């Protein structure tokens, strides 16, 4: 481990901004991300939030499927299609988070 002397002002700068390093005995300022890197990060965050919404909808749909099972009602095709579309979103590595989630079908009769 290398130790260097720094001023209080340098210390305050380092603790208020992440990414500072020591190289060849000197403080090295963090490299600022490019506009493309920032855009990619924001897109990844938006996609992750969209996937989380799809996962929550998929989890909630389990209740409907259980109600069908408990009442001996065949799972309607619309529900199978809905759940398949949600699984596709959850499993995708990227996509368009501005699109609406698949529309939840009406509850099956008899459940």
PDB file of N, CA and C in Angstrom:
ATOM      1  N   UNK A   1       0.842  -1.173   0.000  1.00  0.00           N
ATOM      2  CA  UNK A   1       0.000   0.000   0.000  1.00  0.00           C
ATOM      3  C   UNK A   1       0.890   1.239   0.000  1.00  0.00           C
ATOM      4  N   UNK A   2       0.535   2.190  -0.836  1.00  0.00           N
ATOM      5  CA  UNK A   2       1.301   3.426  -0.947  1.00  0.00           C
ATOM      6  C   UNK A   2       0.604   4.521  -0.163  1.00  0.00           C
ATOM      7  N   UNK A   3       1.403   5.282   0.561  1.00  0.00           N
ATOM      8  CA  UNK A   3       0.886   6.414   1.316  1.00  0.00           C
ATOM      9  C   UNK A   3       1.494   7.684   0.738  1.00  0.00           C
ATOM     10  N   UNK A   4       0.648   8.697   0.518  1.00  0.00           N
ATOM     11  CA  UNK A   4       1.148   9.992   0.053  1.00  0.00           C
ATOM     12  C   UNK A   4       0.571  11.074   0.933  1.00  0.00           C
ATOM     13  N   UNK A   5       1.264  12.183   0.977  1.00  0.00           N
ATOM     14  CA  UNK A   5       0.745  13.331   1.733  1.00  0.00           C
ATOM     15  C   UNK A   5      -0.142  14.158   0.828  1.00  0.00           C
ATOM     16  N   UNK A   6      -1.309  14.553   1.371  1.00  0.00           N
ATOM     17  CA  UNK A   6      -2.220  15.424   0.637  1.00  0.00           C
ATOM     18  C   UNK A   6      -2.717  16.499   1.587  1.00  0.00           C
ATOM     19  N   UNK A   7      -3.205  17.578   1.013  1.00  0.00           N
ATOM     20  CA  UNK A   7      -3.738  18.674   1.818  1.00  0.00           C
ATOM     21  C   UNK A   7      -5.155  18.336   2.257  1.00  0.00           C
ATOM     22  N   UNK A   8      -5.654  19.123   3.210  1.00  0.00           N
ATOM     23  CA  UNK A   8      -7.032  18.931   3.654  1.00  0.00           C
ATOM     24  C   UNK A   8      -8.002  19.178   2.498  1.00  0.00           C
ATOM     25  N   UNK A   9      -7.705  20.165   1.661  1.00  0.00           N
ATOM     26  CA  UNK A   9      -8.562  20.460   0.509  1.00  0.00           C
ATOM     27  C   UNK A   9      -8.589  19.271  -0.455  1.00  0.00           C
ATOM     28  N   UNK A  10      -7.432  18.651  -0.681  1.00  0.00           N
ATOM     29  CA  UNK A  10      -7.390  17.472  -1.546  1.00  0.00           C
ATOM     30  C   UNK A  10      -8.189  16.325  -0.929  1.00  0.00           C
ATOM     31  N   UNK A  11      -8.051  16.164   0.381  1.00  0.00           N
ATOM     32  CA  UNK A  11      -8.795  15.114   1.077  1.00  0.00           C
ATOM     33  C   UNK A  11     -10.297  15.319   0.917  1.00  0.00           C
ATOM     34  N   UNK A  12     -10.751  16.547   1.126  1.00  0.00           N
ATOM     35  CA  UNK A  12     -12.174  16.861   0.999  1.00  0.00           C
ATOM     36  C   UNK A  12     -12.669  16.598  -0.427  1.00  0.00           C
ATOM     37  N   UNK A  13     -11.846  16.948  -1.408  1.00  0.00           N
ATOM     38  CA  UNK A  13     -12.212  16.698  -2.804  1.00  0.00           C
ATOM     39  C   UNK A  13     -12.337  15.204  -3.065  1.00  0.00           C
ATOM     40  N   UNK A  14     -11.389  14.437  -2.553  1.00  0.00           N
ATOM     41  CA  UNK A  14     -11.382  12.988  -2.777  1.00  0.00           C
ATOM     42  C   UNK A  14     -12.573  12.292  -2.129  1.00  0.00           C
ATOM     43  N   UNK A  15     -12.952  12.730  -0.927  1.00  0.00           N
ATOM     44  CA  UNK A  15     -14.061  12.049  -0.254  1.00  0.00           C
ATOM     45  C   UNK A  15     -15.420  12.514  -0.759  1.00  0.00           C
ATOM     46  N   UNK A  16     -15.459  13.643  -1.443  1.00  0.00           N
ATOM     47  CA  UNK A  16     -16.746  14.119  -1.959  1.00  0.00           C
ATOM     48  C   UNK A  16     -16.999  13.668  -3.401  1.00  0.00           C
ATOM     49  N   UNK A  17     -15.985  13.128  -4.041  1.00  0.00           N
ATOM     50  CA  UNK A  17     -16.118  12.637  -5.419  1.00  0.00           C
ATOM     51  C   UNK A  17     -15.460  11.277  -5.526  1.00  0.00           C
ATOM     52  N   UNK A  18     -16.214  10.275  -5.943  1.00  0.00           N
ATOM     53  CA  UNK A  18     -15.660   8.935  -6.069  1.00  0.00           C
ATOM     54  C   UNK A  18     -14.738   8.821  -7.272  1.00  0.00           C
ATOM     55  N   UNK A  19     -13.828   7.861  -7.203  1.00  0.00           N
ATOM     56  CA  UNK A  19     -13.016   7.534  -8.359  1.00  0.00           C
ATOM     57  C   UNK A  19     -11.583   8.018  -8.323  1.00  0.00           C
ATOM     58  N   UNK A  20     -11.219   8.798  -7.332  1.00  0.00           N
ATOM     59  CA  UNK A  20      -9.834   9.273  -7.244  1.00  0.00           C
ATOM     60  C   UNK A  20      -8.927   8.084  -6.976  1.00  0.00           C
ATOM     61  N   UNK A  21      -7.730   8.114  -7.583  1.00  0.00           N
ATOM     62  CA  UNK A  21      -6.741   7.062  -7.372  1.00  0.00           C
ATOM     63  C   UNK A  21      -5.375   7.694  -7.157  1.00  0.00           C
ATOM     64  N   UNK A  22      -4.431   6.859  -6.755  1.00  0.00           N
ATOM     65  CA  UNK A  22      -3.043   7.294  -6.624  1.00  0.00           C
ATOM     66  C   UNK A  22      -2.234   6.525  -7.657  1.00  0.00           C
ATOM     67  N   UNK A  23      -1.505   7.263  -8.478  1.00  0.00           N
ATOM     68  CA  UNK A  23      -0.668   6.645  -9.495  1.00  0.00           C
ATOM     69  C   UNK A  23       0.679   7.353  -9.511  1.00  0.00           C
ATOM     70  N   UNK A  24       1.721   6.574  -9.400  1.00  0.00           N
ATOM     71  CA  UNK A  24       3.087   7.120  -9.391  1.00  0.00           C
ATOM     72  C   UNK A  24       3.263   8.193  -8.328  1.00  0.00           C
ATOM     73  N   UNK A  25       2.638   7.977  -7.179  1.00  0.00           N
ATOM     74  CA  UNK A  25       2.803   8.892  -6.057  1.00  0.00           C
ATOM     75  C   UNK A  25       2.012  10.179  -6.146  1.00  0.00           C
ATOM     76  N   UNK A  26       1.045  10.250  -7.060  1.00  0.00           N
ATOM     77  CA  UNK A  26       0.254  11.476  -7.208  1.00  0.00           C
ATOM     78  C   UNK A  26      -1.228  11.117  -7.306  1.00  0.00           C
ATOM     79  N   UNK A  27      -2.063  12.049  -6.858  1.00  0.00           N
ATOM     80  CA  UNK A  27      -3.516  11.868  -6.996  1.00  0.00           C
ATOM     81  C   UNK A  27      -3.900  11.982  -8.463  1.00  0.00           C
ATOM     82  N   UNK A  28      -4.781  11.097  -8.879  1.00  0.00           N
ATOM     83  CA  UNK A  28      -5.263  11.116 -10.256  1.00  0.00           C
ATOM     84  C   UNK A  28      -6.768  11.293 -10.224  1.00  0.00           C
ATOM     85  N   UNK A  29      -7.221  12.326 -10.904  1.00  0.00           N
ATOM     86  CA  UNK A  29      -8.648  12.654 -10.957  1.00  0.00           C
ATOM     87  C   UNK A  29      -9.410  11.560 -11.705  1.00  0.00           C
ATOM     88  N   UNK A  30     -10.636  11.279 -11.261  1.00  0.00           N
ATOM     89  CA  UNK A  30     -11.425  10.265 -11.964  1.00  0.00           C
ATOM     90  C   UNK A  30     -11.745  10.703 -13.392  1.00  0.00           C
ATOM     91  N   UNK A  31     -11.786   9.728 -14.283  1.00  0.00           N
ATOM     92  CA  UNK A  31     -12.142  10.003 -15.675  1.00  0.00           C
ATOM     93  C   UNK A  31     -13.654  10.140 -15.751  1.00  0.00           C
ATOM     94  N   UNK A  32     -14.105  11.222 -16.321  1.00  0.00           N
ATOM     95  CA  UNK A  32     -15.540  11.455 -16.456  1.00  0.00           C
ATOM     96  C   UNK A  32     -16.088  10.606 -17.597  1.00  0.00           C
ATOM     97  N   UNK A  33     -17.240   9.986 -17.402  1.00  0.00           N
ATOM     98  CA  UNK A  33     -17.811   9.164 -18.469  1.00  0.00           C
ATOM     99  C   UNK A  33     -18.220  10.023 -19.658  1.00  0.00           C
ATOM    100  N   UNK A  34     -18.162   9.426 -20.841  1.00  0.00           N
ATOM    101  CA  UNK A  34     -18.580  10.127 -22.051  1.00  0.00           C
ATOM    102  C   UNK A  34     -20.107  10.222 -22.071  1.00  0.00           C
ATOM    103  N   UNK A  35     -20.606  11.048 -22.950  1.00  0.00           N
ATOM    104  CA  UNK A  35     -22.060  11.186 -23.097  1.00  0.00           C
ATOM    105  C   UNK A  35     -22.681   9.838 -23.489  1.00  0.00           C
ATOM    106  N   UNK A  36     -21.983   9.081 -24.331  1.00  0.00           N
ATOM    107  CA  UNK A  36     -22.490   7.763 -24.732  1.00  0.00           C
ATOM    108  C   UNK A  36     -22.531   6.808 -23.546  1.00  0.00           C
ATOM    109  N   UNK A  37     -21.512   6.869 -22.686  1.00  0.00           N
ATOM    110  CA  UNK A  37     -21.491   6.008 -21.504  1.00  0.00           C
ATOM    111  C   UNK A  37     -22.615   6.371 -20.542  1.00  0.00           C
ATOM    112  N   UNK A  38     -22.849   7.656 -20.358  1.00  0.00           N
ATOM    113  CA  UNK A  38     -23.936   8.105 -19.486  1.00  0.00           C
ATOM    114  C   UNK A  38     -25.285   7.659 -20.056  1.00  0.00           C
ATOM    115  N   UNK A  39     -25.451   7.819 -21.363  1.00  0.00           N
ATOM    116  CA  UNK A  39     -26.702   7.405 -22.006  1.00  0.00           C
ATOM    117  C   UNK A  39     -26.909   5.898 -21.865  1.00  0.00           C
ATOM    118  N   UNK A  40     -25.844   5.128 -22.023  1.00  0.00           N
ATOM    119  CA  UNK A  40     -25.941   3.668 -21.880  1.00  0.00           C
ATOM    120  C   UNK A  40     -26.302   3.293 -20.448  1.00  0.00           C
ATOM    121  N   UNK A  41     -25.729   3.984 -19.474  1.00  0.00           N
ATOM    122  CA  UNK A  41     -26.058   3.722 -18.064  1.00  0.00           C
ATOM    123  C   UNK A  41     -27.526   4.037 -17.796  1.00  0.00           C
ATOM    124  N   UNK A  42     -27.989   5.163 -18.287  1.00  0.00           N
ATOM    125  CA  UNK A  42     -29.381   5.552 -18.077  1.00  0.00           C
ATOM    126  C   UNK A  42     -30.331   4.568 -18.748  1.00  0.00           C
ATOM    127  N   UNK A  43     -29.966   4.103 -19.945  1.00  0.00           N
ATOM    128  CA  UNK A  43     -30.797   3.118 -20.640  1.00  0.00           C
ATOM    129  C   UNK A  43     -30.838   1.808 -19.856  1.00  0.00           C
ATOM    130  N   UNK A  44     -29.709   1.407 -19.308  1.00  0.00           N
ATOM    131  CA  UNK A  44     -29.661   0.168 -18.523  1.00  0.00           C
ATOM    132  C   UNK A  44     -30.511   0.287 -17.261  1.00  0.00           C
ATOM    133  N   UNK A  45     -30.475   1.433 -16.625  1.00  0.00           N
ATOM    134  CA  UNK A  45     -31.284   1.656 -15.418  1.00  0.00           C
ATOM    135  C   UNK A  45     -32.770   1.625 -15.769  1.00  0.00           C
ATOM    136  N   UNK A  46     -33.146   2.288 -16.871  1.00  0.00           N
ATOM    137  CA  UNK A  46     -34.550   2.304 -17.293  1.00  0.00           C
ATOM    138  C   UNK A  46     -35.013   0.890 -17.650  1.00  0.00           C
ATOM    139  N   UNK A  47     -34.160   0.126 -18.334  1.00  0.00           N
ATOM    140  CA  UNK A  47     -34.533  -1.244 -18.701  1.00  0.00           C
ATOM    141  C   UNK A  47     -34.692  -2.106 -17.457  1.00  0.00           C
ATOM    142  N   UNK A  48     -33.797  -1.962 -16.495  1.00  0.00           N
ATOM    143  CA  UNK A  48     -33.892  -2.748 -15.260  1.00  0.00           C
ATOM    144  C   UNK A  48     -35.190  -2.437 -14.515  1.00  0.00           C
ATOM    145  N   UNK A  49     -35.586  -1.176 -14.494  1.00  0.00           N
ATOM    146  CA  UNK A  49     -36.840  -0.796 -13.831  1.00  0.00           C
ATOM    147  C   UNK A  49     -38.037  -1.390 -14.578  1.00  0.00           C
ATOM    148  N   UNK A  50     -37.988  -1.365 -15.902  1.00  0.00           N
ATOM    149  CA  UNK A  50     -39.058  -1.947 -16.724  1.00  0.00           C
ATOM    150  C   UNK A  50     -39.159  -3.452 -16.477  1.00  0.00           C
ATOM    151  N   UNK A  51     -38.002  -4.111 -16.428  1.00  0.00           N
ATOM    152  CA  UNK A  51     -37.992  -5.549 -16.148  1.00  0.00           C
ATOM    153  C   UNK A  51     -38.539  -5.844 -14.757  1.00  0.00           C
ATOM    154  N   UNK A  52     -38.215  -5.010 -13.789  1.00  0.00           N
ATOM    155  CA  UNK A  52     -38.734  -5.211 -12.433  1.00  0.00           C
ATOM    156  C   UNK A  52     -40.260  -5.098 -12.420  1.00  0.00           C
ATOM    157  N   UNK A  53     -40.796  -4.176 -13.200  1.00  0.00           N
ATOM    158  CA  UNK A  53     -42.259  -4.045 -13.300  1.00  0.00           C
ATOM    159  C   UNK A  53     -42.863  -5.291 -13.943  1.00  0.00           C
ATOM    160  N   UNK A  54     -42.208  -5.800 -14.979  1.00  0.00           N
ATOM    161  CA  UNK A  54     -42.690  -7.016 -15.638  1.00  0.00           C
ATOM    162  C   UNK A  54     -42.615  -8.205 -14.687  1.00  0.00           C
ATOM    163  N   UNK A  55     -41.546  -8.285 -13.909  1.00  0.00           N
ATOM    164  CA  UNK A  55     -41.386  -9.382 -12.940  1.00  0.00           C
ATOM    165  C   UNK A  55     -42.486  -9.299 -11.882  1.00  0.00           C
ATOM    166  N   UNK A  56     -42.787  -8.099 -11.406  1.00  0.00           N
ATOM    167  CA  UNK A  56     -43.846  -7.934 -10.406  1.00  0.00           C
ATOM    168  C   UNK A  56     -45.195  -8.354 -10.984  1.00  0.00           C
ATOM    169  N   UNK A  57     -45.459  -8.000 -12.244  1.00  0.00           N
ATOM    170  CA  UNK A  57     -46.719  -8.400 -12.888  1.00  0.00           C
ATOM    171  C   UNK A  57     -46.770  -9.915 -13.063  1.00  0.00           C
ATOM    172  N   UNK A  58     -45.633 -10.509 -13.428  1.00  0.00           N
ATOM    173  CA  UNK A  58     -45.582 -11.962 -13.578  1.00  0.00           C
ATOM    174  C   UNK A  58     -45.826 -12.653 -12.236  1.00  0.00           C
ATOM    175  N   UNK A  59     -45.188 -12.155 -11.198  1.00  0.00           N
ATOM    176  CA  UNK A  59     -45.400 -12.719  -9.861  1.00  0.00           C
ATOM    177  C   UNK A  59     -46.856 -12.602  -9.429  1.00  0.00           C
ATOM    178  N   UNK A  60     -47.460 -11.452  -9.693  1.00  0.00           N
ATOM    179  CA  UNK A  60     -48.865 -11.243  -9.323  1.00  0.00           C
ATOM    180  C   UNK A  60     -49.778 -12.170 -10.118  1.00  0.00           C
ATOM    181  N   UNK A  61     -49.398 -12.492 -11.347  1.00  0.00           N
ATOM    182  CA  UNK A  61     -50.242 -13.366 -12.169  1.00  0.00           C
ATOM    183  C   UNK A  61     -50.247 -14.803 -11.653  1.00  0.00           C
ATOM    184  N   UNK A  62     -49.262 -15.157 -10.837  1.00  0.00           N
ATOM    185  CA  UNK A  62     -49.250 -16.500 -10.243  1.00  0.00           C
ATOM    186  C   UNK A  62     -50.527 -16.759  -9.447  1.00  0.00           C
ATOM    187  N   UNK A  63     -51.046 -15.733  -8.811  1.00  0.00           N
ATOM    188  CA  UNK A  63     -52.276 -15.879  -8.019  1.00  0.00           C
ATOM    189  C   UNK A  63     -53.438 -16.318  -8.914  1.00  0.00           C
ATOM    190  N   UNK A  64     -53.544 -15.718 -10.079  1.00  0.00           N
ATOM    191  CA  UNK A  64     -54.620 -16.092 -10.998  1.00  0.00           C
ATOM    192  C   UNK A  64     -54.457 -17.533 -11.460  1.00  0.00           C
ATOM    193  N   UNK A  65     -53.228 -17.921 -11.770  1.00  0.00           N
ATOM    194  CA  UNK A  65     -52.981 -19.291 -12.220  1.00  0.00           C
ATOM    195  C   UNK A  65     -53.305 -20.278 -11.100  1.00  0.00           C
ATOM    196  N   UNK A  66     -52.962 -19.944  -9.878  1.00  0.00           N
ATOM    197  CA  UNK A  66     -53.286 -20.806  -8.734  1.00  0.00           C
ATOM    198  C   UNK A  66     -54.802 -20.907  -8.547  1.00  0.00           C
ATOM    199  N   UNK A  67     -55.497 -19.794  -8.733  1.00  0.00           N
ATOM    200  CA  UNK A  67     -56.959 -19.828  -8.599  1.00  0.00           C
ATOM    201  C   UNK A  67     -57.575 -20.717  -9.680  1.00  0.00           C
ATOM    202  N   UNK A  68     -57.008 -20.677 -10.881  1.00  0.00           N
ATOM    203  CA  UNK A  68     -57.487 -21.575 -11.942  1.00  0.00           C
ATOM    204  C   UNK A  68     -57.267 -23.020 -11.516  1.00  0.00           C
ATOM    205  N   UNK A  69     -56.083 -23.327 -11.044  1.00  0.00           N
ATOM    206  CA  UNK A  69     -55.744 -24.689 -10.633  1.00  0.00           C
ATOM    207  C   UNK A  69     -56.668 -25.170  -9.513  1.00  0.00           C
ATOM    208  N   UNK A  70     -56.836 -24.325  -8.503  1.00  0.00           N
ATOM    209  CA  UNK A  70     -57.658 -24.717  -7.354  1.00  0.00           C
ATOM    210  C   UNK A  70     -59.119 -24.925  -7.717  1.00  0.00           C
ATOM    211  N   UNK A  71     -59.590 -24.244  -8.746  1.00  0.00           N
ATOM    212  CA  UNK A  71     -60.991 -24.353  -9.152  1.00  0.00           C
ATOM    213  C   UNK A  71     -61.175 -25.225 -10.388  1.00  0.00           C
ATOM    214  N   UNK A  72     -60.128 -25.966 -10.754  1.00  0.00           N
ATOM    215  CA  UNK A  72     -60.168 -26.871 -11.910  1.00  0.00           C
ATOM    216  C   UNK A  72     -60.605 -26.154 -13.187  1.00  0.00           C
ATOM    217  N   UNK A  73     -60.084 -24.932 -13.346  1.00  0.00           N
ATOM    218  CA  UNK A  73     -60.364 -24.144 -14.549  1.00  0.00           C
ATOM    219  C   UNK A  73     -59.095 -24.154 -15.395  1.00  0.00           C
ATOM    220  N   UNK A  74     -59.233 -24.513 -16.653  1.00  0.00           N
ATOM    221  CA  UNK A  74     -58.067 -24.518 -17.546  1.00  0.00           C
ATOM    222  C   UNK A  74     -57.532 -23.085 -17.670  1.00  0.00           C
ATOM    223  N   UNK A  75     -56.224 -22.960 -17.711  1.00  0.00           N
ATOM    224  CA  UNK A  75     -55.622 -21.632 -17.868  1.00  0.00           C
ATOM    225  C   UNK A  75     -55.988 -21.100 -19.249  1.00  0.00           C
ATOM    226  N   UNK A  76     -56.667 -19.966 -19.306  1.00  0.00           N
ATOM    227  CA  UNK A  76     -57.055 -19.408 -20.603  1.00  0.00           C
ATOM    228  C   UNK A  76     -55.828 -19.055 -21.450  1.00  0.00           C
ATOM    229  N   UNK A  77     -55.951 -19.193 -22.744  1.00  0.00           N
ATOM    230  CA  UNK A  77     -54.847 -18.895 -23.672  1.00  0.00           C
ATOM    231  C   UNK A  77     -54.351 -17.462 -23.501  1.00  0.00           C
ATOM    232  N   UNK A  78     -55.278 -16.542 -23.234  1.00  0.00           N
ATOM    233  CA  UNK A  78     -54.876 -15.138 -23.061  1.00  0.00           C
ATOM    234  C   UNK A  78     -53.921 -14.984 -21.873  1.00  0.00           C
ATOM    235  N   UNK A  79     -54.157 -15.752 -20.821  1.00  0.00           N
ATOM    236  CA  UNK A  79     -53.268 -15.691 -19.650  1.00  0.00           C
ATOM    237  C   UNK A  79     -51.920 -16.338 -19.952  1.00  0.00           C
ATOM    238  N   UNK A  80     -51.927 -17.423 -20.693  1.00  0.00           N
ATOM    239  CA  UNK A  80     -50.665 -18.067 -21.078  1.00  0.00           C
ATOM    240  C   UNK A  80     -49.841 -17.122 -21.948  1.00  0.00           C
ATOM    241  N   UNK A  81     -50.500 -16.445 -22.882  1.00  0.00           N
ATOM    242  CA  UNK A  81     -49.817 -15.490 -23.761  1.00  0.00           C
ATOM    243  C   UNK A  81     -49.281 -14.309 -22.961  1.00  0.00           C
ATOM    244  N   UNK A  82     -50.083 -13.809 -22.048  1.00  0.00           N
ATOM    245  CA  UNK A  82     -49.683 -12.690 -21.183  1.00  0.00           C
ATOM    246  C   UNK A  82     -48.434 -13.045 -20.383  1.00  0.00           C
ATOM    247  N   UNK A  83     -48.448 -14.203 -19.754  1.00  0.00           N
ATOM    248  CA  UNK A  83     -47.315 -14.623 -18.924  1.00  0.00           C
ATOM    249  C   UNK A  83     -46.069 -14.881 -19.779  1.00  0.00           C
ATOM    250  N   UNK A  84     -46.260 -15.410 -20.979  1.00  0.00           N
ATOM    251  CA  UNK A  84     -45.129 -15.647 -21.880  1.00  0.00           C
ATOM    252  C   UNK A  84     -44.481 -14.316 -22.276  1.00  0.00           C
ATOM    253  N   UNK A  85     -45.302 -13.306 -22.556  1.00  0.00           N
ATOM    254  CA  UNK A  85     -44.786 -11.983 -22.925  1.00  0.00           C
ATOM    255  C   UNK A  85     -44.022 -11.355 -21.749  1.00  0.00           C
ATOM    256  N   UNK A  86     -44.547 -11.505 -20.538  1.00  0.00           N
ATOM    257  CA  UNK A  86     -43.853 -10.980 -19.358  1.00  0.00           C
ATOM    258  C   UNK A  86     -42.526 -11.697 -19.151  1.00  0.00           C
ATOM    259  N   UNK A  87     -42.503 -13.011 -19.327  1.00  0.00           N
ATOM    260  CA  UNK A  87     -41.255 -13.772 -19.177  1.00  0.00           C
ATOM    261  C   UNK A  87     -40.216 -13.335 -20.214  1.00  0.00           C
ATOM    262  N   UNK A  88     -40.668 -13.025 -21.417  1.00  0.00           N
ATOM    263  CA  UNK A  88     -39.754 -12.565 -22.466  1.00  0.00           C
ATOM    264  C   UNK A  88     -39.085 -11.248 -22.066  1.00  0.00           C
ATOM    265  N   UNK A  89     -39.847 -10.361 -21.454  1.00  0.00           N
ATOM    266  CA  UNK A  89     -39.288  -9.088 -20.990  1.00  0.00           C
ATOM    267  C   UNK A  89     -38.290  -9.335 -19.867  1.00  0.00           C
ATOM    268  N   UNK A  90     -38.688 -10.146 -18.900  1.00  0.00           N
ATOM    269  CA  UNK A  90     -37.823 -10.428 -17.749  1.00  0.00           C
ATOM    270  C   UNK A  90     -36.514 -11.065 -18.201  1.00  0.00           C
ATOM    271  N   UNK A  91     -36.560 -11.920 -19.214  1.00  0.00           N
ATOM    272  CA  UNK A  91     -35.374 -12.637 -19.659  1.00  0.00           C
ATOM    273  C   UNK A  91     -34.525 -11.912 -20.687  1.00  0.00           C
ATOM    274  N   UNK A  92     -35.001 -10.808 -21.222  1.00  0.00           N
ATOM    275  CA  UNK A  92     -34.272 -10.092 -22.272  1.00  0.00           C
ATOM    276  C   UNK A  92     -33.101  -9.298 -21.688  1.00  0.00           C
ATOM    277  N   UNK A  93     -32.056  -9.162 -22.473  1.00  0.00           N
ATOM    278  CA  UNK A  93     -30.896  -8.396 -22.016  1.00  0.00           C
ATOM    279  C   UNK A  93     -31.077  -6.897 -22.236  1.00  0.00           C
ATOM    280  N   UNK A  94     -31.935  -6.522 -23.166  1.00  0.00           N
ATOM    281  CA  UNK A  94     -32.213  -5.110 -23.407  1.00  0.00           C
ATOM    282  C   UNK A  94     -33.530  -5.004 -24.159  1.00  0.00           C
ATOM    283  N   UNK A  95     -33.998  -3.777 -24.285  1.00  0.00           N
ATOM    284  CA  UNK A  95     -35.253  -3.544 -24.986  1.00  0.00           C
ATOM    285  C   UNK A  95     -35.704  -2.115 -24.814  1.00  0.00           C
ATOM    286  N   UNK A  96     -36.933  -1.859 -25.173  1.00  0.00           N
ATOM    287  CA  UNK A  96     -37.504  -0.515 -25.110  1.00  0.00           C
ATOM    288  C   UNK A  96     -38.345  -0.355 -23.844  1.00  0.00           C
ATOM    289  N   UNK A  97     -37.794   0.336 -22.843  1.00  0.00           N
ATOM    290  CA  UNK A  97     -38.539   0.488 -21.592  1.00  0.00           C
ATOM    291  C   UNK A  97     -39.671   1.506 -21.660  1.00  0.00           C
ATOM    292  N   UNK A  98     -39.841   2.142 -22.808  1.00  0.00           N
ATOM    293  CA  UNK A  98     -40.929   3.123 -22.924  1.00  0.00           C
ATOM    294  C   UNK A  98     -42.229   2.467 -23.389  1.00  0.00           C
ATOM    295  N   UNK A  99     -42.142   1.221 -23.844  1.00  0.00           N
ATOM    296  CA  UNK A  99     -43.363   0.544 -24.288  1.00  0.00           C
ATOM    297  C   UNK A  99     -44.199   0.129 -23.078  1.00  0.00           C
ATOM    298  N   UNK A 100     -45.471   0.015 -23.284  1.00  0.00           N
ATOM    299  CA  UNK A 100     -46.357  -0.425 -22.202  1.00  0.00           C
ATOM    300  C   UNK A 100     -46.152  -1.911 -21.955  1.00  0.00           C
ATOM    301  N   UNK A 101     -46.323  -2.312 -20.719  1.00  0.00           N
ATOM    302  CA  UNK A 101     -46.287  -3.740 -20.407  1.00  0.00           C
ATOM    303  C   UNK A 101     -47.482  -4.406 -21.089  1.00  0.00           C
ATOM    304  N   UNK A 102     -47.398  -5.711 -21.329  1.00  0.00           N
ATOM    305  CA  UNK A 102     -48.547  -6.403 -21.921  1.00  0.00           C
ATOM    306  C   UNK A 102     -49.804  -6.180 -21.080  1.00  0.00           C
ATOM    307  N   UNK A 103     -50.929  -6.119 -21.757  1.00  0.00           N
ATOM    308  CA  UNK A 103     -52.214  -5.882 -21.099  1.00  0.00           C
ATOM    309  C   UNK A 103     -52.648  -7.142 -20.356  1.00  0.00           C
ATOM    310  N   UNK A 104     -52.991  -6.967 -19.087  1.00  0.00           N
ATOM    311  CA  UNK A 104     -53.455  -8.101 -18.289  1.00  0.00           C
ATOM    312  C   UNK A 104     -54.853  -8.489 -18.755  1.00  0.00           C
ATOM    313  N   UNK A 105     -55.069  -9.783 -19.043  1.00  0.00           N
ATOM    314  CA  UNK A 105     -56.391 -10.231 -19.472  1.00  0.00           C
ATOM    315  C   UNK A 105     -57.405 -10.170 -18.334  1.00  0.00           C
ATOM    316  N   UNK A 106     -58.655 -10.325 -18.702  1.00  0.00           N
ATOM    317  CA  UNK A 106     -59.719 -10.394 -17.700  1.00  0.00           C
ATOM    318  C   UNK A 106     -59.527 -11.658 -16.878  1.00  0.00           C
ATOM    319  N   UNK A 107     -59.978 -11.606 -15.634  1.00  0.00           N
ATOM    320  CA  UNK A 107     -59.864 -12.788 -14.768  1.00  0.00           C
ATOM    321  C   UNK A 107     -60.708 -13.919 -15.337  1.00  0.00           C
ATOM    322  N   UNK A 108     -60.183 -15.123 -15.288  1.00  0.00           N
ATOM    323  CA  UNK A 108     -60.931 -16.262 -15.817  1.00  0.00           C
ATOM    324  C   UNK A 108     -62.230 -16.494 -15.036  1.00  0.00           C
ATOM    325  N   UNK A 109     -63.273 -16.825 -15.755  1.00  0.00           N
ATOM    326  CA  UNK A 109     -64.553 -17.138 -15.114  1.00  0.00           C
ATOM    327  C   UNK A 109     -64.389 -18.369 -14.232  1.00  0.00           C
ATOM    328  N   UNK A 110     -65.029 -18.341 -13.105  1.00  0.00           N
ATOM    329  CA  UNK A 110     -64.990 -19.481 -12.202  1.00  0.00           C
ATOM    330  C   UNK A 110     -63.829 -19.484 -11.242  1.00  0.00           C
ATOM    331  N   UNK A 111     -63.078 -18.391 -11.221  1.00  0.00           N
ATOM    332  CA  UNK A 111     -61.951 -18.320 -10.296  1.00  0.00           C
ATOM    333  C   UNK A 111     -62.202 -17.209  -9.298  1.00  0.00           C
TER     334      UNK A 111
END
